[in-house]
Amino acid sequence: MICAAQVPCGAATKKVEQETGTTLTPVSEESSVTDVLGKVVSGEADAGLVYVTDVKAAGTKVQAIPFPESAQAVNTYPIAAVRTGKNKDLAGAFIEAVTGPDGQRLLRGAGFGTP
């Protein structure tokens, strides 16, 4: 079970295929990583390709199988304030919280890497 090519997790799947030199032949392609994970958790699928963060969130309901090539299939999530925003102070405080030590610690704990 994998994500469809047109969604971010599907693009990551394509990168994994390239890096590993394999071609996956999934039973289905889902529109989101949560759909893939949900089918694995519910027993509708034996396995699925999902993000580390989703595996961590699922706790003991799934087992992760790490592989080194996954490091080449990383999604980047930028953070920025909208120039025309009405709450610039709040936006700045949010960015500071996310990029600061506590925010980075929480993100690492959820499985996110550092920039």
N, C-alpha and C. Protein backbone atom coordinates (compact mmCIF):
# COMPACT_ATOMS: atom_id res chain seq x y z
N MET A 1 0.85 -1.16 0.00
CA MET A 1 0.00 0.00 0.00
C MET A 1 0.90 1.23 0.00
N ILE A 2 0.66 2.12 -0.94
CA ILE A 2 1.44 3.35 -1.05
C ILE A 2 0.51 4.51 -1.35
N CYS A 3 1.07 5.70 -1.37
CA CYS A 3 0.32 6.89 -1.75
C CYS A 3 0.37 7.06 -3.27
N ALA A 4 -0.68 7.66 -3.81
CA ALA A 4 -0.74 7.95 -5.24
C ALA A 4 0.35 8.97 -5.59
N ALA A 5 0.84 8.90 -6.80
CA ALA A 5 1.98 9.73 -7.24
C ALA A 5 1.71 11.22 -7.15
N GLN A 6 0.47 11.66 -7.26
CA GLN A 6 0.18 13.10 -7.29
C GLN A 6 0.15 13.76 -5.91
N VAL A 7 0.30 13.01 -4.84
CA VAL A 7 0.31 13.60 -3.49
C VAL A 7 1.73 13.53 -2.93
N PRO A 8 2.06 14.37 -1.94
CA PRO A 8 3.45 14.41 -1.44
C PRO A 8 4.02 13.06 -1.02
N CYS A 9 3.23 12.25 -0.34
CA CYS A 9 3.77 10.95 0.08
C CYS A 9 4.00 10.03 -1.12
N GLY A 10 3.27 10.24 -2.20
CA GLY A 10 3.49 9.48 -3.42
C GLY A 10 4.78 9.89 -4.10
N ALA A 11 5.07 11.18 -4.08
CA ALA A 11 6.34 11.67 -4.64
C ALA A 11 7.51 11.08 -3.84
N ALA A 12 7.35 10.99 -2.54
CA ALA A 12 8.39 10.38 -1.70
C ALA A 12 8.54 8.90 -2.04
N THR A 13 7.44 8.23 -2.30
CA THR A 13 7.49 6.82 -2.69
C THR A 13 8.27 6.64 -3.98
N LYS A 14 8.02 7.50 -4.96
CA LYS A 14 8.77 7.43 -6.22
C LYS A 14 10.27 7.61 -5.99
N LYS A 15 10.62 8.51 -5.09
CA LYS A 15 12.03 8.74 -4.75
C LYS A 15 12.63 7.49 -4.12
N VAL A 16 11.87 6.83 -3.24
CA VAL A 16 12.33 5.59 -2.62
C VAL A 16 12.55 4.52 -3.68
N GLU A 17 11.65 4.42 -4.64
CA GLU A 17 11.83 3.45 -5.72
C GLU A 17 13.12 3.73 -6.49
N GLN A 18 13.35 4.99 -6.80
CA GLN A 18 14.56 5.36 -7.53
C GLN A 18 15.81 5.02 -6.73
N GLU A 19 15.81 5.40 -5.45
CA GLU A 19 17.00 5.20 -4.61
C GLU A 19 17.29 3.73 -4.35
N THR A 20 16.25 2.90 -4.29
CA THR A 20 16.45 1.48 -4.00
C THR A 20 16.56 0.63 -5.26
N GLY A 21 16.24 1.25 -6.41
CA GLY A 21 16.30 0.49 -7.65
C GLY A 21 15.20 -0.55 -7.76
N THR A 22 14.09 -0.30 -7.11
CA THR A 22 12.97 -1.24 -7.15
C THR A 22 11.74 -0.60 -7.77
N THR A 23 10.81 -1.43 -8.15
CA THR A 23 9.51 -0.97 -8.60
C THR A 23 8.47 -1.63 -7.71
N LEU A 24 7.71 -0.82 -7.01
CA LEU A 24 6.68 -1.35 -6.13
C LEU A 24 5.43 -1.67 -6.94
N THR A 25 4.76 -2.73 -6.57
CA THR A 25 3.49 -3.10 -7.21
C THR A 25 2.43 -3.22 -6.12
N PRO A 26 1.93 -2.08 -5.66
CA PRO A 26 1.00 -2.09 -4.54
C PRO A 26 -0.39 -2.59 -4.94
N VAL A 27 -1.11 -3.05 -3.94
CA VAL A 27 -2.49 -3.46 -4.14
C VAL A 27 -3.36 -2.24 -4.39
N SER A 28 -3.02 -1.12 -3.73
CA SER A 28 -3.77 0.12 -3.96
C SER A 28 -2.87 1.32 -3.73
N GLU A 29 -3.29 2.44 -4.29
CA GLU A 29 -2.62 3.72 -4.09
C GLU A 29 -3.63 4.64 -3.43
N GLU A 30 -3.26 5.19 -2.30
CA GLU A 30 -4.17 6.02 -1.51
C GLU A 30 -3.89 7.50 -1.73
N SER A 31 -4.87 8.32 -1.35
CA SER A 31 -4.74 9.77 -1.57
C SER A 31 -4.04 10.49 -0.42
N SER A 32 -3.73 9.78 0.66
CA SER A 32 -3.00 10.41 1.76
C SER A 32 -2.25 9.35 2.56
N VAL A 33 -1.22 9.79 3.25
CA VAL A 33 -0.44 8.88 4.07
C VAL A 33 -1.27 8.35 5.23
N THR A 34 -2.21 9.14 5.72
CA THR A 34 -3.06 8.65 6.81
C THR A 34 -3.98 7.53 6.33
N ASP A 35 -4.36 7.57 5.06
CA ASP A 35 -5.16 6.46 4.51
C ASP A 35 -4.34 5.18 4.44
N VAL A 36 -3.08 5.30 4.02
CA VAL A 36 -2.19 4.14 3.97
C VAL A 36 -2.03 3.57 5.38
N LEU A 37 -1.69 4.43 6.31
CA LEU A 37 -1.49 3.99 7.69
C LEU A 37 -2.76 3.37 8.26
N GLY A 38 -3.90 4.00 8.00
CA GLY A 38 -5.17 3.49 8.51
C GLY A 38 -5.47 2.09 8.02
N LYS A 39 -5.15 1.80 6.77
CA LYS A 39 -5.40 0.46 6.24
C LYS A 39 -4.46 -0.57 6.85
N VAL A 40 -3.24 -0.16 7.15
CA VAL A 40 -2.31 -1.08 7.81
C VAL A 40 -2.76 -1.32 9.25
N VAL A 41 -3.10 -0.28 9.96
CA VAL A 41 -3.54 -0.41 11.35
C VAL A 41 -4.80 -1.26 11.46
N SER A 42 -5.73 -1.08 10.53
CA SER A 42 -6.99 -1.82 10.58
C SER A 42 -6.88 -3.26 10.10
N GLY A 43 -5.72 -3.61 9.52
CA GLY A 43 -5.53 -4.96 9.02
C GLY A 43 -5.97 -5.14 7.58
N GLU A 44 -6.40 -4.07 6.92
CA GLU A 44 -6.78 -4.16 5.50
C GLU A 44 -5.57 -4.32 4.60
N ALA A 45 -4.39 -3.99 5.11
CA ALA A 45 -3.15 -4.13 4.35
C ALA A 45 -2.08 -4.73 5.25
N ASP A 46 -1.23 -5.53 4.67
CA ASP A 46 -0.13 -6.14 5.43
C ASP A 46 1.01 -5.17 5.67
N ALA A 47 1.20 -4.22 4.75
CA ALA A 47 2.30 -3.28 4.86
C ALA A 47 1.98 -2.02 4.06
N GLY A 48 2.66 -0.95 4.42
CA GLY A 48 2.49 0.31 3.70
C GLY A 48 3.73 1.16 3.87
N LEU A 49 3.93 2.05 2.92
CA LEU A 49 5.06 2.96 2.97
C LEU A 49 4.57 4.31 3.48
N VAL A 50 5.00 4.67 4.69
CA VAL A 50 4.55 5.91 5.33
C VAL A 50 5.75 6.64 5.92
N TYR A 51 5.51 7.85 6.39
CA TYR A 51 6.57 8.65 7.01
C TYR A 51 6.89 8.15 8.42
N VAL A 52 8.11 8.41 8.85
CA VAL A 52 8.53 8.07 10.21
C VAL A 52 7.60 8.72 11.23
N THR A 53 7.18 9.94 10.96
CA THR A 53 6.29 10.64 11.90
C THR A 53 4.97 9.91 12.08
N ASP A 54 4.47 9.30 11.02
CA ASP A 54 3.21 8.56 11.12
C ASP A 54 3.40 7.26 11.89
N VAL A 55 4.54 6.62 11.70
CA VAL A 55 4.85 5.41 12.46
C VAL A 55 4.91 5.74 13.94
N LYS A 56 5.61 6.83 14.29
CA LYS A 56 5.71 7.24 15.69
C LYS A 56 4.33 7.52 16.28
N ALA A 57 3.48 8.21 15.51
CA ALA A 57 2.14 8.55 15.99
C ALA A 57 1.29 7.30 16.20
N ALA A 58 1.53 6.25 15.42
CA ALA A 58 0.74 5.02 15.55
C ALA A 58 1.16 4.20 16.75
N GLY A 59 2.31 4.51 17.33
CA GLY A 59 2.77 3.80 18.52
C GLY A 59 3.02 2.32 18.25
N THR A 60 2.45 1.48 19.09
CA THR A 60 2.69 0.03 18.99
C THR A 60 1.77 -0.66 17.98
N LYS A 61 0.94 0.10 17.30
CA LYS A 61 0.00 -0.50 16.33
C LYS A 61 0.69 -0.95 15.05
N VAL A 62 1.88 -0.41 14.78
CA VAL A 62 2.64 -0.79 13.59
C VAL A 62 4.10 -1.00 13.95
N GLN A 63 4.81 -1.67 13.09
CA GLN A 63 6.24 -1.88 13.28
C GLN A 63 6.98 -1.21 12.13
N ALA A 64 7.95 -0.38 12.46
CA ALA A 64 8.76 0.29 11.44
C ALA A 64 9.87 -0.62 10.96
N ILE A 65 10.15 -0.53 9.68
CA ILE A 65 11.29 -1.23 9.11
C ILE A 65 12.14 -0.16 8.42
N PRO A 66 13.14 0.36 9.13
CA PRO A 66 13.97 1.43 8.55
C PRO A 66 14.84 0.91 7.41
N PHE A 67 15.15 1.80 6.48
CA PHE A 67 16.07 1.47 5.40
C PHE A 67 16.82 2.75 5.05
N PRO A 68 18.11 2.65 4.76
CA PRO A 68 18.94 3.85 4.59
C PRO A 68 18.51 4.75 3.44
N GLU A 69 17.95 4.19 2.39
CA GLU A 69 17.57 4.99 1.22
C GLU A 69 16.44 5.98 1.53
N SER A 70 15.73 5.75 2.61
CA SER A 70 14.63 6.65 2.96
C SER A 70 15.13 8.07 3.26
N ALA A 71 16.39 8.20 3.61
CA ALA A 71 16.96 9.52 3.88
C ALA A 71 16.97 10.40 2.64
N GLN A 72 16.82 9.81 1.46
CA GLN A 72 16.79 10.58 0.22
C GLN A 72 15.38 11.02 -0.16
N ALA A 73 14.39 10.56 0.59
CA ALA A 73 12.99 10.87 0.29
C ALA A 73 12.39 11.71 1.40
N VAL A 74 12.95 12.89 1.59
CA VAL A 74 12.54 13.77 2.69
C VAL A 74 11.71 14.92 2.15
N ASN A 75 10.59 15.17 2.78
CA ASN A 75 9.78 16.34 2.44
C ASN A 75 10.22 17.51 3.30
N THR A 76 10.24 18.69 2.72
CA THR A 76 10.63 19.90 3.43
C THR A 76 9.39 20.74 3.68
N TYR A 77 9.25 21.21 4.90
CA TYR A 77 8.11 22.02 5.29
C TYR A 77 8.59 23.41 5.71
N PRO A 78 8.51 24.39 4.82
CA PRO A 78 8.96 25.74 5.17
C PRO A 78 7.99 26.42 6.14
N ILE A 79 8.50 27.41 6.82
CA ILE A 79 7.67 28.21 7.71
C ILE A 79 7.99 29.68 7.43
N ALA A 80 6.95 30.48 7.31
CA ALA A 80 7.15 31.90 7.01
C ALA A 80 5.90 32.67 7.41
N ALA A 81 6.07 33.92 7.70
CA ALA A 81 4.94 34.80 7.98
C ALA A 81 4.44 35.39 6.67
N VAL A 82 3.15 35.57 6.57
CA VAL A 82 2.55 36.19 5.40
C VAL A 82 2.79 37.70 5.48
N ARG A 83 3.34 38.27 4.45
CA ARG A 83 3.70 39.68 4.45
C ARG A 83 2.49 40.58 4.74
N THR A 84 1.34 40.21 4.23
CA THR A 84 0.15 41.04 4.39
C THR A 84 -0.72 40.60 5.57
N GLY A 85 -0.19 39.73 6.41
CA GLY A 85 -0.95 39.24 7.55
C GLY A 85 -1.31 40.33 8.54
N LYS A 86 -2.43 40.13 9.23
CA LYS A 86 -2.91 41.11 10.20
C LYS A 86 -2.32 40.90 11.60
N ASN A 87 -1.76 39.71 11.85
CA ASN A 87 -1.23 39.39 13.18
C ASN A 87 0.26 39.08 13.09
N LYS A 88 1.04 40.07 12.67
CA LYS A 88 2.47 39.86 12.45
C LYS A 88 3.22 39.49 13.72
N ASP A 89 2.83 40.08 14.85
CA ASP A 89 3.50 39.73 16.11
C ASP A 89 3.23 38.28 16.48
N LEU A 90 1.99 37.85 16.32
CA LEU A 90 1.63 36.46 16.63
C LEU A 90 2.34 35.50 15.67
N ALA A 91 2.38 35.85 14.39
CA ALA A 91 3.07 35.02 13.41
C ALA A 91 4.55 34.89 13.77
N GLY A 92 5.16 36.00 14.13
CA GLY A 92 6.58 35.97 14.53
C GLY A 92 6.80 35.11 15.76
N ALA A 93 5.89 35.23 16.73
CA ALA A 93 6.01 34.42 17.95
C ALA A 93 5.86 32.93 17.64
N PHE A 94 4.95 32.62 16.72
CA PHE A 94 4.76 31.23 16.33
C PHE A 94 6.01 30.68 15.66
N ILE A 95 6.57 31.44 14.74
CA ILE A 95 7.78 31.00 14.05
C ILE A 95 8.92 30.82 15.05
N GLU A 96 9.04 31.74 15.97
CA GLU A 96 10.07 31.63 17.00
C GLU A 96 9.87 30.38 17.85
N ALA A 97 8.60 30.09 18.20
CA ALA A 97 8.31 28.90 19.01
C ALA A 97 8.67 27.62 18.25
N VAL A 98 8.31 27.55 16.98
CA VAL A 98 8.58 26.35 16.19
C VAL A 98 10.07 26.16 15.94
N THR A 99 10.78 27.24 15.66
CA THR A 99 12.20 27.13 15.32
C THR A 99 13.11 27.17 16.54
N GLY A 100 12.57 27.51 17.69
CA GLY A 100 13.36 27.57 18.91
C GLY A 100 13.65 26.19 19.47
N PRO A 101 14.43 26.14 20.54
CA PRO A 101 14.85 24.85 21.12
C PRO A 101 13.69 23.96 21.54
N ASP A 102 12.68 24.52 22.18
CA ASP A 102 11.55 23.69 22.62
C ASP A 102 10.75 23.15 21.44
N GLY A 103 10.50 24.01 20.47
CA GLY A 103 9.77 23.58 19.28
C GLY A 103 10.52 22.51 18.51
N GLN A 104 11.83 22.68 18.36
CA GLN A 104 12.64 21.70 17.66
C GLN A 104 12.69 20.38 18.42
N ARG A 105 12.75 20.45 19.75
CA ARG A 105 12.74 19.23 20.57
C ARG A 105 11.43 18.47 20.37
N LEU A 106 10.31 19.19 20.37
CA LEU A 106 9.01 18.55 20.16
C LEU A 106 8.91 17.92 18.77
N LEU A 107 9.39 18.64 17.77
CA LEU A 107 9.35 18.11 16.41
C LEU A 107 10.23 16.87 16.26
N ARG A 108 11.43 16.91 16.84
CA ARG A 108 12.30 15.73 16.81
C ARG A 108 11.63 14.55 17.51
N GLY A 109 10.95 14.81 18.61
CA GLY A 109 10.25 13.76 19.35
C GLY A 109 9.13 13.13 18.53
N ALA A 110 8.59 13.89 17.60
CA ALA A 110 7.52 13.38 16.73
C ALA A 110 8.09 12.70 15.49
N GLY A 111 9.41 12.71 15.35
CA GLY A 111 10.04 12.04 14.22
C GLY A 111 10.50 12.93 13.10
N PHE A 112 10.31 14.24 13.25
CA PHE A 112 10.76 15.16 12.22
C PHE A 112 12.26 15.38 12.34
N GLY A 113 12.92 15.53 11.20
CA GLY A 113 14.35 15.84 11.18
C GLY A 113 14.56 17.33 11.31
N THR A 114 15.80 17.72 11.43
CA THR A 114 16.14 19.14 11.52
C THR A 114 16.60 19.65 10.17
N PRO A 115 16.38 20.92 9.94
CA PRO A 115 16.79 21.49 8.64
C PRO A 115 18.30 21.50 8.47
